[in-house]
Amino acid sequence: MKVLYLVHRLPYPPNKGDKVRSYHLLKHLASQHEVHLGTFIDDPDDEQHLPRVRELCADLHVARLHPRAAKLLSLRGLLTGEPLSLPYYRHAGLQAWIDQAVARVGFDVVVVFSGVMAQYAPSGLRRLVDFVDVDSAKWRDYAPEHTWPMSWLYRREFTKLLAFEQRVAAEAACSFFVTEHEAALFRELSPGRHLRVEALGNGVDAHFFAPDPELASPFAADELPLVFTGAMDYWPNVDAVSWFARDILPALRQRFPALRLYIVGRAPTPAVQALAGEAVNVTGGVPDVRPYLQHAAAVVAPLRLARGLQNKVLEAMAMARPVIAAEACVRAITADALPGLLPAEREADYVERVSAMLSDRTAADLVGRDARAFVLRAYTWDAHLAGLDRHLEAA
């Protein structure tokens, strides 16, 4: 089939949550179909990866997006009544390429990754939309954490973007969310609407994320490393590490003086950089996150504003490490008790569960191996993305 694939960020390298999913979706589509990709680059470092993406595509158009300028231009939405997310991703060059490609190629289906890209979906063409998360709900969750005028702006974005998402879902042959919980939330926010909505889960590349004796430890021999991974310009990640370093880490260091928190991820904000000190190491971007995961005493994901399924948790489990994560993150992965994946909510929960893993390293290694076995059993990409195939075949 001839597939038009629209993605809000170049789906490579798979080094952050949305790009992990969009890349594996691209690979899955390209293995069976002719894919024409329209996307954005918002990080100049990604330019070097264009040859790899071109290998997977019959055609590729990349629009350059400058985040600071896009934020200013997005304010047009206040005048037009739109959610600000739409003009943020509006680009005349990308629209022109899509119009020309539709006329030239004759697509069978358009696959949209991230709801905001649905503004480019050609009318009259069968449409499959991967919302991933209920993006509008993220803005609702942000509002109480900020003061006016940002709190007002976030509430406005929730209302406007939700209305747009509902229109998009009504026009789609099917819409997908990363977990059944996210799909249920969207249905709950859309009462009385008969929308075709399904869960389409994430997977993990357990061949790449696998313990390897050749991976040398990046840690000093006399320290006890606790690791958090993620894009460190993403507000929920910033909030998570700030809260952990301020309210949880001091109590842990009283019990384990050699303990040090490693915050591993690209583009740390000034707030994250300010955490660096004797107890915290902020690495910034690293060439390979696997040594940090493999040699960690434990991995934490204390996300208070988490949405959907967290790839960072699956990757740590695949590396056979015990993970202590927010209850919402755990529920998104499994409803059953799993010794290698421990839920926590309050500060005391994290102190207790991290302490248990640090106190018995042999037991921690055993439950880490159980965590990897669970991922191998339940979270392969092919098994999850096969749920998309029947909707493609219907085209």
Protein backbone atom coordinates (compact mmCIF):
# COMPACT_ATOMS: atom_id res chain seq x y z
CA MET A 1 0.00 0.00 0.00
CA LYS A 2 0.98 3.63 -0.41
CA VAL A 3 1.04 5.26 3.02
CA LEU A 4 1.34 8.94 3.89
CA TYR A 5 2.93 9.10 7.35
CA LEU A 6 2.82 12.45 9.19
CA VAL A 7 4.94 12.87 12.34
CA HIS A 8 5.51 15.98 14.45
CA ARG A 9 9.22 15.21 15.06
CA LEU A 10 11.77 13.29 12.98
CA PRO A 11 11.31 9.67 14.10
CA TYR A 12 15.03 9.09 14.65
CA PRO A 13 17.11 8.62 16.69
CA PRO A 14 14.80 6.79 19.12
CA ASN A 15 16.22 8.64 22.13
CA LYS A 16 13.03 9.96 23.75
CA GLY A 17 9.58 8.57 24.34
CA ASP A 18 7.65 9.86 21.33
CA LYS A 19 10.55 9.19 18.92
CA VAL A 20 10.91 5.62 20.16
CA ARG A 21 7.28 4.95 19.27
CA SER A 22 7.21 6.90 15.99
CA TYR A 23 10.45 5.21 14.81
CA HIS A 24 9.19 1.69 15.47
CA LEU A 25 5.90 2.56 13.80
CA LEU A 26 7.86 3.79 10.76
CA LYS A 27 9.90 0.57 10.69
CA HIS A 28 6.73 -1.50 10.95
CA LEU A 29 5.01 0.37 8.12
CA ALA A 30 8.09 0.35 5.88
CA SER A 31 8.50 -3.43 6.27
CA GLN A 32 5.21 -3.97 4.42
CA HIS A 33 4.28 -0.78 2.57
CA GLU A 34 5.55 2.19 0.56
CA VAL A 35 5.90 5.03 3.06
CA HIS A 36 6.02 8.76 2.26
CA LEU A 37 7.03 10.67 5.39
CA GLY A 38 6.31 14.31 6.19
CA THR A 39 7.86 15.52 9.44
CA PHE A 40 9.68 18.26 11.34
CA ILE A 41 13.19 18.68 12.70
CA ASP A 42 13.28 20.78 15.87
CA ASP A 43 16.83 19.84 16.94
CA PRO A 44 19.78 20.57 14.58
CA ASP A 45 21.57 17.48 15.91
CA ASP A 46 18.95 15.35 14.19
CA GLU A 47 20.08 16.49 10.72
CA GLN A 48 22.84 13.85 10.76
CA HIS A 49 20.24 11.09 10.98
CA LEU A 50 18.34 11.96 7.80
CA PRO A 51 20.12 9.27 5.70
CA ARG A 52 18.89 6.55 8.08
CA VAL A 53 15.31 7.81 7.83
CA ARG A 54 15.51 8.07 4.03
CA GLU A 55 16.46 4.39 3.85
CA LEU A 56 13.01 3.55 5.21
CA CYS A 57 10.98 5.88 2.99
CA ALA A 58 9.96 6.12 -0.65
CA ASP A 59 9.90 9.89 -0.16
CA LEU A 60 10.73 12.24 2.69
CA HIS A 61 9.99 15.89 3.36
CA VAL A 62 11.48 17.58 6.42
CA ALA A 63 10.33 21.01 7.60
CA ARG A 64 12.65 22.89 9.95
CA LEU A 65 11.02 24.10 13.14
CA HIS A 66 12.71 26.62 15.44
CA PRO A 67 11.09 26.18 18.86
CA ARG A 68 11.53 29.75 20.09
CA ALA A 69 10.07 31.27 16.92
CA ALA A 70 7.33 28.63 16.82
CA LYS A 71 6.26 29.53 20.36
CA LEU A 72 5.84 33.16 19.35
CA LEU A 73 3.94 32.23 16.19
CA SER A 74 1.70 29.87 18.16
CA LEU A 75 0.22 32.90 19.96
CA ARG A 76 -1.78 33.51 16.79
CA GLY A 77 -4.13 30.92 18.22
CA LEU A 78 -5.30 33.50 20.77
CA LEU A 79 -6.66 35.56 17.86
CA THR A 80 -8.06 32.69 15.80
CA GLY A 81 -9.58 30.77 18.72
CA GLU A 82 -7.42 27.70 18.02
CA PRO A 83 -5.38 25.68 20.46
CA LEU A 84 -1.85 27.10 20.41
CA SER A 85 -0.44 23.68 19.52
CA LEU A 86 -1.81 23.92 15.96
CA PRO A 87 -0.08 27.11 14.72
CA TYR A 88 3.05 25.94 16.53
CA TYR A 89 3.26 23.10 13.97
CA ARG A 90 1.87 24.99 10.96
CA HIS A 91 4.25 25.15 8.00
CA ALA A 92 3.41 26.23 4.46
CA GLY A 93 6.23 24.19 2.91
CA LEU A 94 5.07 20.95 4.51
CA GLN A 95 1.49 21.65 3.42
CA ALA A 96 2.62 22.24 -0.17
CA TRP A 97 4.61 18.98 -0.24
CA ILE A 98 1.59 17.04 1.08
CA ASP A 99 -0.72 18.58 -1.53
CA GLN A 100 1.70 17.70 -4.33
CA ALA A 101 2.32 14.18 -2.99
CA VAL A 102 -1.41 13.45 -2.74
CA ALA A 103 -1.90 14.45 -6.38
CA ARG A 104 1.19 12.57 -7.59
CA VAL A 105 1.13 9.34 -5.57
CA GLY A 106 -2.50 8.48 -4.88
CA PHE A 107 -2.26 7.30 -1.29
CA ASP A 108 -4.32 4.46 0.15
CA VAL A 109 -4.20 5.71 3.74
CA VAL A 110 -2.74 8.45 5.93
CA VAL A 111 -1.24 7.53 9.30
CA VAL A 112 -1.02 10.47 11.68
CA PHE A 113 1.35 10.41 14.65
CA SER A 114 0.41 13.00 17.30
CA GLY A 115 -2.96 14.67 17.08
CA VAL A 116 -1.60 18.08 16.00
CA MET A 117 -0.45 16.58 12.68
CA ALA A 118 -4.06 15.78 11.79
CA GLN A 119 -4.37 19.39 10.58
CA TYR A 120 -2.39 18.19 7.51
CA ALA A 121 -4.40 15.02 6.84
CA PRO A 122 -5.96 15.20 3.34
CA SER A 123 -9.74 15.06 3.27
CA GLY A 124 -11.31 12.03 1.63
CA LEU A 125 -8.41 9.74 2.54
CA ARG A 126 -8.77 6.91 5.06
CA ARG A 127 -7.20 8.22 8.27
CA LEU A 128 -5.58 6.38 11.19
CA VAL A 129 -4.50 8.59 14.09
CA ASP A 130 -2.02 7.67 16.81
CA PHE A 131 -2.68 10.21 19.55
CA VAL A 132 -0.28 8.28 21.84
CA ASP A 133 -1.57 10.11 24.95
CA VAL A 134 -4.53 12.39 25.58
CA ASP A 135 -2.33 15.40 24.93
CA SER A 136 -5.00 17.90 25.96
CA ALA A 137 -5.18 16.35 29.45
CA LYS A 138 -1.49 17.09 29.91
CA TRP A 139 -2.25 20.82 29.79
CA ARG A 140 -5.07 20.39 32.29
CA ASP A 141 -2.63 18.64 34.63
CA TYR A 142 -0.03 21.38 34.21
CA ALA A 143 -2.39 24.22 35.16
CA PRO A 144 -2.49 23.71 38.98
CA GLU A 145 1.33 23.58 39.02
CA HIS A 146 1.68 27.10 37.61
CA THR A 147 0.54 30.60 38.51
CA TRP A 148 -1.48 33.02 36.40
CA PRO A 149 -1.23 33.75 33.46
CA MET A 150 0.29 30.34 32.59
CA SER A 151 -2.39 28.51 34.58
CA TRP A 152 -5.09 30.25 32.50
CA LEU A 153 -3.21 29.56 29.26
CA TYR A 154 -2.86 25.86 30.10
CA ARG A 155 -6.58 25.53 30.96
CA ARG A 156 -7.46 27.24 27.69
CA GLU A 157 -5.17 24.87 25.78
CA PHE A 158 -6.85 21.88 27.44
CA THR A 159 -10.32 23.02 26.37
CA LYS A 160 -9.39 24.03 22.82
CA LEU A 161 -7.13 21.07 22.12
CA LEU A 162 -9.62 18.54 23.48
CA ALA A 163 -12.30 19.90 21.12
CA PHE A 164 -9.84 19.53 18.22
CA GLU A 165 -8.91 15.99 19.26
CA GLN A 166 -12.57 15.04 19.39
CA ARG A 167 -13.14 16.35 15.85
CA VAL A 168 -10.10 14.46 14.62
CA ALA A 169 -11.23 11.22 16.25
CA ALA A 170 -14.72 11.60 14.79
CA GLU A 171 -13.24 11.76 11.28
CA ALA A 172 -10.73 8.91 11.74
CA ALA A 173 -11.28 5.31 10.78
CA CYS A 174 -9.65 4.54 14.12
CA SER A 175 -7.73 6.42 16.80
CA PHE A 176 -5.08 4.84 19.01
CA PHE A 177 -3.72 5.51 22.48
CA VAL A 178 -0.71 3.94 24.14
CA THR A 179 -2.68 2.29 26.96
CA GLU A 180 -6.26 1.28 27.63
CA HIS A 181 -6.22 3.78 30.50
CA GLU A 182 -5.50 6.64 28.07
CA ALA A 183 -8.19 5.38 25.68
CA ALA A 184 -10.68 5.22 28.57
CA LEU A 185 -9.73 8.75 29.64
CA PHE A 186 -10.43 10.05 26.13
CA ARG A 187 -13.81 8.33 26.10
CA GLU A 188 -14.57 9.79 29.53
CA LEU A 189 -13.70 13.29 28.29
CA SER A 190 -15.93 12.76 25.23
CA PRO A 191 -19.32 11.66 26.66
CA GLY A 192 -22.06 10.93 24.17
CA ARG A 193 -19.62 10.62 21.27
CA HIS A 194 -19.30 7.29 19.47
CA LEU A 195 -15.61 7.34 18.62
CA ARG A 196 -13.58 4.43 17.24
CA VAL A 197 -10.79 4.27 19.82
CA GLU A 198 -8.35 1.47 20.64
CA ALA A 199 -5.22 0.91 22.72
CA LEU A 200 -2.01 0.29 20.76
CA GLY A 201 0.75 -0.48 23.22
CA ASN A 202 4.45 0.29 23.14
CA GLY A 203 7.21 -2.26 23.05
CA VAL A 204 10.91 -2.24 23.80
CA ASP A 205 13.87 -3.28 21.66
CA ALA A 206 15.09 -5.98 24.02
CA HIS A 207 17.94 -6.94 21.66
CA PHE A 208 19.45 -3.47 21.99
CA PHE A 209 18.47 -2.93 25.62
CA ALA A 210 20.10 -6.06 26.99
CA PRO A 211 22.79 -6.61 29.64
CA ASP A 212 26.22 -6.75 28.02
CA PRO A 213 29.48 -7.52 29.88
CA GLU A 214 31.30 -5.28 27.38
CA LEU A 215 29.50 -2.18 28.67
CA ALA A 216 31.89 -0.56 31.15
CA SER A 217 30.51 1.18 34.23
CA PRO A 218 30.42 5.00 34.04
CA PHE A 219 30.33 5.23 37.86
CA ALA A 220 33.08 5.53 40.45
CA ALA A 221 33.81 2.30 42.33
CA ASP A 222 32.96 3.79 45.73
CA GLU A 223 29.54 5.23 44.89
CA LEU A 224 26.04 3.76 44.92
CA PRO A 225 24.38 5.01 41.71
CA LEU A 226 20.65 5.67 41.39
CA VAL A 227 19.58 6.58 37.84
CA PHE A 228 16.82 8.61 36.20
CA THR A 229 16.71 8.85 32.39
CA GLY A 230 14.73 11.08 30.07
CA ALA A 231 14.65 14.28 28.03
CA MET A 232 15.47 16.90 30.63
CA ASP A 233 13.71 19.81 28.96
CA TYR A 234 10.36 18.01 29.36
CA TRP A 235 8.40 19.52 32.25
CA PRO A 236 7.17 16.25 33.88
CA ASN A 237 10.79 15.00 33.96
CA VAL A 238 12.03 18.30 35.40
CA ASP A 239 9.33 18.16 38.07
CA ALA A 240 10.15 14.52 38.87
CA VAL A 241 13.88 14.96 39.45
CA SER A 242 13.43 18.26 41.28
CA TRP A 243 10.95 16.67 43.70
CA PHE A 244 13.09 13.55 44.17
CA ALA A 245 16.31 15.50 44.78
CA ARG A 246 14.62 17.91 47.20
CA ASP A 247 12.23 15.71 49.19
CA ILE A 248 13.40 12.09 48.86
CA LEU A 249 17.13 11.90 48.21
CA PRO A 250 18.26 13.46 51.55
CA ALA A 251 16.51 10.73 53.56
CA LEU A 252 18.03 8.04 51.36
CA ARG A 253 21.52 9.49 51.77
CA GLN A 254 21.15 9.37 55.53
CA ARG A 255 20.87 5.60 55.19
CA PHE A 256 23.29 5.26 52.26
CA PRO A 257 25.93 8.02 52.31
CA ALA A 258 27.54 6.71 49.10
CA LEU A 259 24.29 7.09 47.19
CA ARG A 260 24.35 9.47 44.21
CA LEU A 261 21.51 10.33 41.84
CA TYR A 262 22.46 10.40 38.15
CA ILE A 263 20.11 12.45 35.94
CA VAL A 264 20.84 11.19 32.43
CA GLY A 265 19.28 12.95 29.45
CA ARG A 266 19.64 15.65 26.85
CA ALA A 267 18.97 19.38 27.22
CA PRO A 268 18.80 19.77 31.01
CA THR A 269 17.05 23.02 31.91
CA PRO A 270 18.67 25.54 34.30
CA ALA A 271 16.45 24.13 37.07
CA VAL A 272 17.87 20.65 36.45
CA GLN A 273 21.45 21.89 36.17
CA ALA A 274 21.03 23.65 39.51
CA LEU A 275 20.50 20.25 41.18
CA ALA A 276 24.07 19.16 40.43
CA GLY A 277 26.30 18.76 43.48
CA GLU A 278 27.72 16.19 45.84
CA ALA A 279 24.53 14.11 45.81
CA VAL A 280 23.45 14.66 42.19
CA ASN A 281 25.24 14.28 38.86
CA VAL A 282 23.57 15.87 35.81
CA THR A 283 25.18 14.23 32.77
CA GLY A 284 23.32 15.94 29.93
CA GLY A 285 23.06 13.89 26.75
CA VAL A 286 25.18 10.74 26.59
CA PRO A 287 26.18 8.63 23.56
CA ASP A 288 24.65 5.50 25.06
CA VAL A 289 22.29 5.30 28.03
CA ARG A 290 22.71 1.55 28.48
CA PRO A 291 25.87 1.58 30.67
CA TYR A 292 24.10 3.93 33.09
CA LEU A 293 21.12 1.60 33.30
CA GLN A 294 23.09 -1.65 33.46
CA HIS A 295 25.38 -0.55 36.27
CA ALA A 296 22.76 1.32 38.31
CA ALA A 297 21.95 -0.01 41.75
CA ALA A 298 18.34 0.84 40.87
CA VAL A 299 16.39 3.06 38.49
CA VAL A 300 13.72 5.55 39.55
CA ALA A 301 10.84 7.16 37.65
CA PRO A 302 9.10 9.43 40.20
CA LEU A 303 6.77 11.07 37.68
CA ARG A 304 3.98 13.04 39.30
CA LEU A 305 2.59 14.29 35.96
CA ALA A 306 3.00 11.05 34.00
CA ARG A 307 0.85 10.30 30.96
CA GLY A 308 0.69 6.90 29.30
CA LEU A 309 3.32 4.21 29.14
CA GLN A 310 6.89 5.26 29.96
CA ASN A 311 9.55 3.87 27.62
CA LYS A 312 12.24 4.77 30.16
CA VAL A 313 10.73 2.22 32.54
CA LEU A 314 10.54 -0.55 29.93
CA GLU A 315 14.14 0.10 28.86
CA ALA A 316 15.43 -0.10 32.42
CA MET A 317 13.51 -3.35 32.95
CA ALA A 318 14.94 -4.75 29.70
CA MET A 319 18.42 -3.95 31.09
CA ALA A 320 17.52 -6.21 34.06
CA ARG A 321 17.40 -3.46 36.66
CA PRO A 322 14.83 -3.01 39.42
CA VAL A 323 12.68 0.07 38.88
CA ILE A 324 10.84 2.14 41.48
CA ALA A 325 8.22 4.20 39.65
CA ALA A 326 5.07 6.23 40.16
CA GLU A 327 1.96 4.09 40.61
CA ALA A 328 0.48 5.46 37.37
CA CYS A 329 3.58 4.34 35.45
CA VAL A 330 3.37 0.86 36.95
CA ARG A 331 -0.36 0.49 36.24
CA ALA A 332 0.25 1.40 32.59
CA ILE A 333 2.64 -1.55 32.26
CA THR A 334 1.02 -4.28 34.36
CA ALA A 335 -1.91 -4.77 36.70
CA ASP A 336 -0.13 -7.64 38.43
CA ALA A 337 2.50 -7.43 41.16
CA LEU A 338 6.00 -7.62 39.71
CA PRO A 339 8.97 -7.70 42.11
CA GLY A 340 11.22 -5.85 39.66
CA LEU A 341 8.78 -2.99 39.18
CA LEU A 342 7.81 -1.35 42.46
CA PRO A 343 5.05 1.28 42.68
CA ALA A 344 5.46 4.37 44.86
CA GLU A 345 3.46 7.53 45.39
CA ARG A 346 4.56 9.43 48.50
CA GLU A 347 8.08 10.38 49.56
CA ALA A 348 8.06 7.64 52.23
CA ASP A 349 7.13 5.03 49.62
CA TYR A 350 10.18 5.87 47.53
CA VAL A 351 12.49 5.85 50.54
CA GLU A 352 11.21 2.45 51.64
CA ARG A 353 11.30 0.76 48.23
CA VAL A 354 14.59 2.21 47.04
CA SER A 355 16.14 1.26 50.40
CA ALA A 356 14.95 -2.32 49.99
CA MET A 357 16.74 -2.60 46.63
CA LEU A 358 19.93 -0.95 47.91
CA SER A 359 20.09 -3.04 51.07
CA ASP A 360 20.27 -6.36 49.23
CA ARG A 361 22.05 -6.05 45.90
CA THR A 362 21.81 -9.78 45.21
CA ALA A 363 18.03 -9.68 45.60
CA ALA A 364 17.93 -6.56 43.42
CA ASP A 365 19.79 -8.40 40.65
CA LEU A 366 17.34 -11.29 40.86
CA VAL A 367 14.23 -9.13 40.58
CA GLY A 368 15.95 -7.21 37.77
CA ARG A 369 16.26 -10.44 35.82
CA ASP A 370 12.57 -11.09 36.47
CA ALA A 371 11.80 -7.63 35.09
CA ARG A 372 13.68 -8.40 31.88
CA ALA A 373 11.90 -11.74 31.51
CA PHE A 374 8.56 -9.94 31.82
CA VAL A 375 9.49 -7.44 29.10
CA LEU A 376 10.59 -10.22 26.75
CA ARG A 377 7.28 -11.95 27.34
CA ALA A 378 4.87 -9.03 27.15
CA TYR A 379 6.44 -6.06 25.34
CA THR A 380 7.68 -6.83 21.84
CA TRP A 381 7.06 -4.10 19.24
CA ASP A 382 5.81 -6.45 16.52
CA ALA A 383 3.16 -7.96 18.77
CA HIS A 384 1.77 -4.55 19.74
CA LEU A 385 1.95 -2.83 16.35
CA ALA A 386 0.20 -5.76 14.67
CA GLY A 387 -2.97 -4.16 16.06
CA LEU A 388 -2.58 -1.48 13.39
CA ASP A 389 -2.41 -3.93 10.48
CA ARG A 390 -6.06 -4.89 10.26
CA HIS A 391 -7.01 -1.23 9.95
CA LEU A 392 -4.48 -0.79 7.15
CA GLU A 393 -5.83 -3.88 5.38
CA ALA A 394 -9.35 -2.43 5.54
CA ALA A 395 -8.17 0.38 3.27
